[in-house]
PDB file of all heavy atoms in Angstrom:
ATOM      1  N   MET A   1     -36.535  -8.417  19.056  1.00  0.00           N
ATOM      2  CA  MET A   1     -36.319  -8.402  20.470  1.00  0.00           C
ATOM      3  C   MET A   1     -35.373  -9.612  20.747  1.00  0.00           C
ATOM      4  O   MET A   1     -35.555 -10.681  20.245  1.00  0.00           O
ATOM      5  CB  MET A   1     -37.611  -8.581  21.225  1.00  0.00           C
ATOM      6  CG  MET A   1     -37.357  -8.651  22.689  1.00  0.00           C
ATOM      7  SD  MET A   1     -38.796  -9.150  23.683  1.00  0.00           S
ATOM      8  CE  MET A   1     -39.663  -7.657  23.822  1.00  0.00           C
ATOM      9  N   VAL A   2     -34.390  -9.366  21.552  1.00  0.00           N
ATOM     10  CA  VAL A   2     -33.383 -10.418  21.917  1.00  0.00           C
ATOM     11  C   VAL A   2     -33.808 -11.025  23.249  1.00  0.00           C
ATOM     12  O   VAL A   2     -34.059 -10.353  24.184  1.00  0.00           O
ATOM     13  CB  VAL A   2     -31.986  -9.815  22.015  1.00  0.00           C
ATOM     14  CG1 VAL A   2     -31.018 -10.835  22.431  1.00  0.00           C
ATOM     15  CG2 VAL A   2     -31.563  -9.193  20.681  1.00  0.00           C
ATOM     16  N   THR A   3     -33.833 -12.353  23.293  1.00  0.00           N
ATOM     17  CA  THR A   3     -34.179 -13.021  24.524  1.00  0.00           C
ATOM     18  C   THR A   3     -32.949 -13.094  25.398  1.00  0.00           C
ATOM     19  O   THR A   3     -31.824 -13.025  24.936  1.00  0.00           O
ATOM     20  CB  THR A   3     -34.686 -14.468  24.230  1.00  0.00           C
ATOM     21  OG1 THR A   3     -33.590 -15.212  23.669  1.00  0.00           O
ATOM     22  CG2 THR A   3     -35.861 -14.443  23.322  1.00  0.00           C
ATOM     23  N   PRO A   4     -33.165 -13.230  26.688  1.00  0.00           N
ATOM     24  CA  PRO A   4     -31.986 -13.316  27.614  1.00  0.00           C
ATOM     25  C   PRO A   4     -31.048 -14.486  27.247  1.00  0.00           C
ATOM     26  O   PRO A   4     -29.823 -14.332  27.369  1.00  0.00           O
ATOM     27  CB  PRO A   4     -32.627 -13.504  28.977  1.00  0.00           C
ATOM     28  CG  PRO A   4     -33.949 -12.940  28.860  1.00  0.00           C
ATOM     29  CD  PRO A   4     -34.397 -13.189  27.452  1.00  0.00           C
ATOM     30  N   ALA A   5     -31.585 -15.584  26.849  1.00  0.00           N
ATOM     31  CA  ALA A   5     -30.744 -16.759  26.514  1.00  0.00           C
ATOM     32  C   ALA A   5     -29.810 -16.429  25.356  1.00  0.00           C
ATOM     33  O   ALA A   5     -28.635 -16.787  25.348  1.00  0.00           O
ATOM     34  CB  ALA A   5     -31.596 -17.964  26.221  1.00  0.00           C
ATOM     35  N   VAL A   6     -30.373 -15.759  24.300  1.00  0.00           N
ATOM     36  CA  VAL A   6     -29.522 -15.374  23.148  1.00  0.00           C
ATOM     37  C   VAL A   6     -28.503 -14.345  23.537  1.00  0.00           C
ATOM     38  O   VAL A   6     -27.339 -14.451  23.130  1.00  0.00           O
ATOM     39  CB  VAL A   6     -30.446 -14.825  22.053  1.00  0.00           C
ATOM     40  CG1 VAL A   6     -29.602 -14.257  20.886  1.00  0.00           C
ATOM     41  CG2 VAL A   6     -31.396 -15.922  21.523  1.00  0.00           C
ATOM     42  N   TYR A   7     -28.874 -13.401  24.364  1.00  0.00           N
ATOM     43  CA  TYR A   7     -27.935 -12.367  24.843  1.00  0.00           C
ATOM     44  C   TYR A   7     -26.773 -12.990  25.617  1.00  0.00           C
ATOM     45  O   TYR A   7     -25.606 -12.706  25.360  1.00  0.00           O
ATOM     46  CB  TYR A   7     -28.653 -11.330  25.703  1.00  0.00           C
ATOM     47  CG  TYR A   7     -27.760 -10.285  26.257  1.00  0.00           C
ATOM     48  CD1 TYR A   7     -27.190  -9.310  25.449  1.00  0.00           C
ATOM     49  CD2 TYR A   7     -27.458 -10.248  27.624  1.00  0.00           C
ATOM     50  CE1 TYR A   7     -26.385  -8.334  25.993  1.00  0.00           C
ATOM     51  CE2 TYR A   7     -26.627  -9.294  28.149  1.00  0.00           C
ATOM     52  CZ  TYR A   7     -26.086  -8.324  27.333  1.00  0.00           C
ATOM     53  OH  TYR A   7     -25.236  -7.375  27.825  1.00  0.00           O
ATOM     54  N   PHE A   8     -27.072 -13.874  26.574  1.00  0.00           N
ATOM     55  CA  PHE A   8     -26.047 -14.494  27.361  1.00  0.00           C
ATOM     56  C   PHE A   8     -25.168 -15.473  26.539  1.00  0.00           C
ATOM     57  O   PHE A   8     -23.993 -15.599  26.743  1.00  0.00           O
ATOM     58  CB  PHE A   8     -26.601 -15.190  28.578  1.00  0.00           C
ATOM     59  CG  PHE A   8     -26.868 -14.215  29.657  1.00  0.00           C
ATOM     60  CD1 PHE A   8     -28.125 -13.680  29.899  1.00  0.00           C
ATOM     61  CD2 PHE A   8     -25.834 -13.840  30.544  1.00  0.00           C
ATOM     62  CE1 PHE A   8     -28.383 -12.772  30.905  1.00  0.00           C
ATOM     63  CE2 PHE A   8     -26.076 -12.926  31.555  1.00  0.00           C
ATOM     64  CZ  PHE A   8     -27.333 -12.416  31.755  1.00  0.00           C
ATOM     65  N   GLU A   9     -25.795 -16.118  25.537  1.00  0.00           N
ATOM     66  CA  GLU A   9     -25.015 -16.982  24.639  1.00  0.00           C
ATOM     67  C   GLU A   9     -23.976 -16.124  23.862  1.00  0.00           C
ATOM     68  O   GLU A   9     -22.857 -16.533  23.700  1.00  0.00           O
ATOM     69  CB  GLU A   9     -25.940 -17.716  23.674  1.00  0.00           C
ATOM     70  CG  GLU A   9     -25.215 -18.715  22.813  1.00  0.00           C
ATOM     71  CD  GLU A   9     -26.186 -19.502  21.945  1.00  0.00           C
ATOM     72  OE1 GLU A   9     -27.400 -19.435  22.160  1.00  0.00           O
ATOM     73  OE2 GLU A   9     -25.682 -20.225  21.051  1.00  0.00           O
ATOM     74  N   PHE A  10     -24.433 -14.948  23.412  1.00  0.00           N
ATOM     75  CA  PHE A  10     -23.532 -14.015  22.690  1.00  0.00           C
ATOM     76  C   PHE A  10     -22.390 -13.607  23.629  1.00  0.00           C
ATOM     77  O   PHE A  10     -21.213 -13.650  23.242  1.00  0.00           O
ATOM     78  CB  PHE A  10     -24.281 -12.825  22.220  1.00  0.00           C
ATOM     79  CG  PHE A  10     -23.418 -11.684  21.778  1.00  0.00           C
ATOM     80  CD1 PHE A  10     -22.733 -11.735  20.562  1.00  0.00           C
ATOM     81  CD2 PHE A  10     -23.192 -10.544  22.610  1.00  0.00           C
ATOM     82  CE1 PHE A  10     -21.925 -10.676  20.154  1.00  0.00           C
ATOM     83  CE2 PHE A  10     -22.395  -9.534  22.206  1.00  0.00           C
ATOM     84  CZ  PHE A  10     -21.760  -9.575  20.983  1.00  0.00           C
ATOM     85  N   LEU A  11     -22.700 -13.265  24.876  1.00  0.00           N
ATOM     86  CA  LEU A  11     -21.647 -12.882  25.822  1.00  0.00           C
ATOM     87  C   LEU A  11     -20.683 -13.974  26.072  1.00  0.00           C
ATOM     88  O   LEU A  11     -19.477 -13.803  26.103  1.00  0.00           O
ATOM     89  CB  LEU A  11     -22.265 -12.374  27.124  1.00  0.00           C
ATOM     90  CG  LEU A  11     -22.973 -11.059  27.111  1.00  0.00           C
ATOM     91  CD1 LEU A  11     -23.573 -10.723  28.492  1.00  0.00           C
ATOM     92  CD2 LEU A  11     -22.046  -9.931  26.693  1.00  0.00           C
ATOM     93  N   GLU A  12     -21.210 -15.214  26.254  1.00  0.00           N
ATOM     94  CA  GLU A  12     -20.346 -16.362  26.476  1.00  0.00           C
ATOM     95  C   GLU A  12     -19.431 -16.621  25.295  1.00  0.00           C
ATOM     96  O   GLU A  12     -18.279 -16.954  25.501  1.00  0.00           O
ATOM     97  CB  GLU A  12     -21.192 -17.619  26.790  1.00  0.00           C
ATOM     98  CG  GLU A  12     -21.925 -17.538  28.100  1.00  0.00           C
ATOM     99  CD  GLU A  12     -22.876 -18.712  28.308  1.00  0.00           C
ATOM    100  OE1 GLU A  12     -22.881 -19.655  27.526  1.00  0.00           O
ATOM    101  OE2 GLU A  12     -23.679 -18.613  29.251  1.00  0.00           O
ATOM    102  N   LEU A  13     -19.951 -16.470  24.090  1.00  0.00           N
ATOM    103  CA  LEU A  13     -19.119 -16.812  22.937  1.00  0.00           C
ATOM    104  C   LEU A  13     -18.159 -15.700  22.604  1.00  0.00           C
ATOM    105  O   LEU A  13     -17.015 -15.991  22.180  1.00  0.00           O
ATOM    106  CB  LEU A  13     -20.046 -17.069  21.739  1.00  0.00           C
ATOM    107  CG  LEU A  13     -20.902 -18.344  21.784  1.00  0.00           C
ATOM    108  CD1 LEU A  13     -21.846 -18.387  20.625  1.00  0.00           C
ATOM    109  CD2 LEU A  13     -19.988 -19.556  21.784  1.00  0.00           C
ATOM    110  N   GLN A  14     -18.513 -14.459  22.709  1.00  0.00           N
ATOM    111  CA  GLN A  14     -17.670 -13.363  22.273  1.00  0.00           C
ATOM    112  C   GLN A  14     -16.814 -12.691  23.312  1.00  0.00           C
ATOM    113  O   GLN A  14     -15.728 -12.240  23.041  1.00  0.00           O
ATOM    114  CB  GLN A  14     -18.555 -12.304  21.599  1.00  0.00           C
ATOM    115  CG  GLN A  14     -19.296 -12.792  20.376  1.00  0.00           C
ATOM    116  CD  GLN A  14     -18.344 -13.132  19.264  1.00  0.00           C
ATOM    117  OE1 GLN A  14     -17.373 -12.456  19.028  1.00  0.00           O
ATOM    118  NE2 GLN A  14     -18.653 -14.201  18.556  1.00  0.00           N
ATOM    119  N   HIS A  15     -17.322 -12.622  24.555  1.00  0.00           N
ATOM    120  CA  HIS A  15     -16.643 -11.760  25.530  1.00  0.00           C
ATOM    121  C   HIS A  15     -16.389 -12.466  26.897  1.00  0.00           C
ATOM    122  O   HIS A  15     -16.146 -11.811  27.906  1.00  0.00           O
ATOM    123  CB  HIS A  15     -17.525 -10.526  25.837  1.00  0.00           C
ATOM    124  CG  HIS A  15     -17.766  -9.725  24.613  1.00  0.00           C
ATOM    125  ND1 HIS A  15     -16.780  -8.971  23.983  1.00  0.00           N
ATOM    126  CD2 HIS A  15     -18.887  -9.555  23.878  1.00  0.00           C
ATOM    127  CE1 HIS A  15     -17.305  -8.390  22.908  1.00  0.00           C
ATOM    128  NE2 HIS A  15     -18.589  -8.689  22.835  1.00  0.00           N
ATOM    129  N   LYS A  16     -16.434 -13.806  26.913  1.00  0.00           N
ATOM    130  CA  LYS A  16     -16.318 -14.537  28.134  1.00  0.00           C
ATOM    131  C   LYS A  16     -14.986 -14.250  28.860  1.00  0.00           C
ATOM    132  O   LYS A  16     -14.927 -13.937  30.050  1.00  0.00           O
ATOM    133  CB  LYS A  16     -16.492 -16.037  27.893  1.00  0.00           C
ATOM    134  CG  LYS A  16     -16.557 -16.856  29.160  1.00  0.00           C
ATOM    135  CD  LYS A  16     -16.861 -18.322  28.773  1.00  0.00           C
ATOM    136  CE  LYS A  16     -17.180 -19.099  30.036  1.00  0.00           C
ATOM    137  NZ  LYS A  16     -17.662 -20.408  29.665  1.00  0.00           N
ATOM    138  N   VAL A  17     -13.885 -14.361  28.139  1.00  0.00           N
ATOM    139  CA  VAL A  17     -12.578 -14.142  28.737  1.00  0.00           C
ATOM    140  C   VAL A  17     -12.360 -12.683  29.154  1.00  0.00           C
ATOM    141  O   VAL A  17     -11.879 -12.421  30.257  1.00  0.00           O
ATOM    142  CB  VAL A  17     -11.463 -14.568  27.718  1.00  0.00           C
ATOM    143  CG1 VAL A  17     -10.105 -14.249  28.245  1.00  0.00           C
ATOM    144  CG2 VAL A  17     -11.596 -16.045  27.366  1.00  0.00           C
ATOM    145  N   GLU A  18     -12.769 -11.750  28.298  1.00  0.00           N
ATOM    146  CA  GLU A  18     -12.598 -10.329  28.607  1.00  0.00           C
ATOM    147  C   GLU A  18     -13.391  -9.971  29.875  1.00  0.00           C
ATOM    148  O   GLU A  18     -12.891  -9.282  30.776  1.00  0.00           O
ATOM    149  CB  GLU A  18     -13.051  -9.488  27.445  1.00  0.00           C
ATOM    150  CG  GLU A  18     -12.877  -8.035  27.642  1.00  0.00           C
ATOM    151  CD  GLU A  18     -13.362  -7.216  26.433  1.00  0.00           C
ATOM    152  OE1 GLU A  18     -13.751  -7.780  25.436  1.00  0.00           O
ATOM    153  OE2 GLU A  18     -13.372  -5.987  26.561  1.00  0.00           O
ATOM    154  N   LEU A  19     -14.650 -10.434  29.949  1.00  0.00           N
ATOM    155  CA  LEU A  19     -15.454 -10.151  31.130  1.00  0.00           C
ATOM    156  C   LEU A  19     -14.918 -10.826  32.369  1.00  0.00           C
ATOM    157  O   LEU A  19     -14.962 -10.240  33.469  1.00  0.00           O
ATOM    158  CB  LEU A  19     -16.937 -10.546  30.892  1.00  0.00           C
ATOM    159  CG  LEU A  19     -17.653  -9.662  29.866  1.00  0.00           C
ATOM    160  CD1 LEU A  19     -19.010 -10.264  29.554  1.00  0.00           C
ATOM    161  CD2 LEU A  19     -17.818  -8.276  30.398  1.00  0.00           C
ATOM    162  N   HIS A  20     -14.368 -11.997  32.231  1.00  0.00           N
ATOM    163  CA  HIS A  20     -13.773 -12.641  33.402  1.00  0.00           C
ATOM    164  C   HIS A  20     -12.550 -11.888  33.885  1.00  0.00           C
ATOM    165  O   HIS A  20     -12.382 -11.728  35.095  1.00  0.00           O
ATOM    166  CB  HIS A  20     -13.376 -14.118  33.023  1.00  0.00           C
ATOM    167  CG  HIS A  20     -12.819 -14.824  34.197  1.00  0.00           C
ATOM    168  ND1 HIS A  20     -11.433 -14.894  34.410  1.00  0.00           N
ATOM    169  CD2 HIS A  20     -13.370 -15.500  35.211  1.00  0.00           C
ATOM    170  CE1 HIS A  20     -11.211 -15.588  35.494  1.00  0.00           C
ATOM    171  NE2 HIS A  20     -12.336 -15.953  36.025  1.00  0.00           N
ATOM    172  N   ASN A  21     -11.762 -11.419  32.940  1.00  0.00           N
ATOM    173  CA  ASN A  21     -10.595 -10.629  33.349  1.00  0.00           C
ATOM    174  C   ASN A  21     -10.946  -9.311  34.023  1.00  0.00           C
ATOM    175  O   ASN A  21     -10.302  -8.830  34.951  1.00  0.00           O
ATOM    176  CB  ASN A  21      -9.698 -10.362  32.137  1.00  0.00           C
ATOM    177  CG  ASN A  21      -8.986 -11.582  31.648  1.00  0.00           C
ATOM    178  OD1 ASN A  21      -8.813 -12.572  32.401  1.00  0.00           O
ATOM    179  ND2 ASN A  21      -8.586 -11.570  30.369  1.00  0.00           N
ATOM    180  N   LEU A  22     -12.046  -8.697  33.557  1.00  0.00           N
ATOM    181  CA  LEU A  22     -12.489  -7.398  34.097  1.00  0.00           C
ATOM    182  C   LEU A  22     -13.165  -7.536  35.475  1.00  0.00           C
ATOM    183  O   LEU A  22     -12.969  -6.726  36.397  1.00  0.00           O
ATOM    184  CB  LEU A  22     -13.421  -6.712  33.177  1.00  0.00           C
ATOM    185  CG  LEU A  22     -12.797  -6.146  31.873  1.00  0.00           C
ATOM    186  CD1 LEU A  22     -13.911  -5.634  30.930  1.00  0.00           C
ATOM    187  CD2 LEU A  22     -11.877  -5.005  32.227  1.00  0.00           C
ATOM    188  N   THR A  23     -14.045  -8.563  35.633  1.00  0.00           N
ATOM    189  CA  THR A  23     -14.867  -8.722  36.784  1.00  0.00           C
ATOM    190  C   THR A  23     -14.457  -9.829  37.726  1.00  0.00           C
ATOM    191  O   THR A  23     -14.861  -9.828  38.868  1.00  0.00           O
ATOM    192  CB  THR A  23     -16.338  -8.928  36.398  1.00  0.00           C
ATOM    193  OG1 THR A  23     -16.446 -10.191  35.716  1.00  0.00           O
ATOM    194  CG2 THR A  23     -16.853  -7.799  35.515  1.00  0.00           C
ATOM    195  N   GLY A  24     -13.734 -10.812  37.220  1.00  0.00           N
ATOM    196  CA  GLY A  24     -13.386 -11.968  38.052  1.00  0.00           C
ATOM    197  C   GLY A  24     -14.526 -12.987  38.107  1.00  0.00           C
ATOM    198  O   GLY A  24     -14.451 -13.943  38.864  1.00  0.00           O
ATOM    199  N   ARG A  25     -15.553 -12.778  37.323  1.00  0.00           N
ATOM    200  CA  ARG A  25     -16.699 -13.708  37.328  1.00  0.00           C
ATOM    201  C   ARG A  25     -16.875 -14.292  35.928  1.00  0.00           C
ATOM    202  O   ARG A  25     -16.547 -13.665  34.925  1.00  0.00           O
ATOM    203  CB  ARG A  25     -18.001 -12.975  37.700  1.00  0.00           C
ATOM    204  CG  ARG A  25     -17.994 -12.479  39.120  1.00  0.00           C
ATOM    205  CD  ARG A  25     -19.254 -11.744  39.413  1.00  0.00           C
ATOM    206  NE  ARG A  25     -19.208 -11.207  40.757  1.00  0.00           N
ATOM    207  CZ  ARG A  25     -20.157 -11.507  41.656  1.00  0.00           C
ATOM    208  NH1 ARG A  25     -21.207 -12.250  41.326  1.00  0.00           N
ATOM    209  NH2 ARG A  25     -20.080 -11.014  42.873  1.00  0.00           N
ATOM    210  N   VAL A  26     -17.425 -15.485  35.898  1.00  0.00           N
ATOM    211  CA  VAL A  26     -17.682 -16.164  34.638  1.00  0.00           C
ATOM    212  C   VAL A  26     -19.122 -15.839  34.195  1.00  0.00           C
ATOM    213  O   VAL A  26     -20.054 -15.923  35.015  1.00  0.00           O
ATOM    214  CB  VAL A  26     -17.511 -17.685  34.798  1.00  0.00           C
ATOM    215  CG1 VAL A  26     -17.877 -18.403  33.503  1.00  0.00           C
ATOM    216  CG2 VAL A  26     -16.102 -18.043  35.197  1.00  0.00           C
ATOM    217  N   VAL A  27     -19.262 -15.435  32.974  1.00  0.00           N
ATOM    218  CA  VAL A  27     -20.590 -15.101  32.445  1.00  0.00           C
ATOM    219  C   VAL A  27     -21.361 -16.383  32.149  1.00  0.00           C
ATOM    220  O   VAL A  27     -20.891 -17.272  31.446  1.00  0.00           O
ATOM    221  CB  VAL A  27     -20.503 -14.298  31.112  1.00  0.00           C
ATOM    222  CG1 VAL A  27     -21.853 -14.059  30.479  1.00  0.00           C
ATOM    223  CG2 VAL A  27     -19.775 -12.991  31.371  1.00  0.00           C
TER     224      VAL A  27
END
């Protein structure tokens, strides 16, 4: 089971720029 902190750390490390470009928000 993945904890929310680990999931968001993954998003921050791997997809931060892409998600910011798509949504205009910082993960």
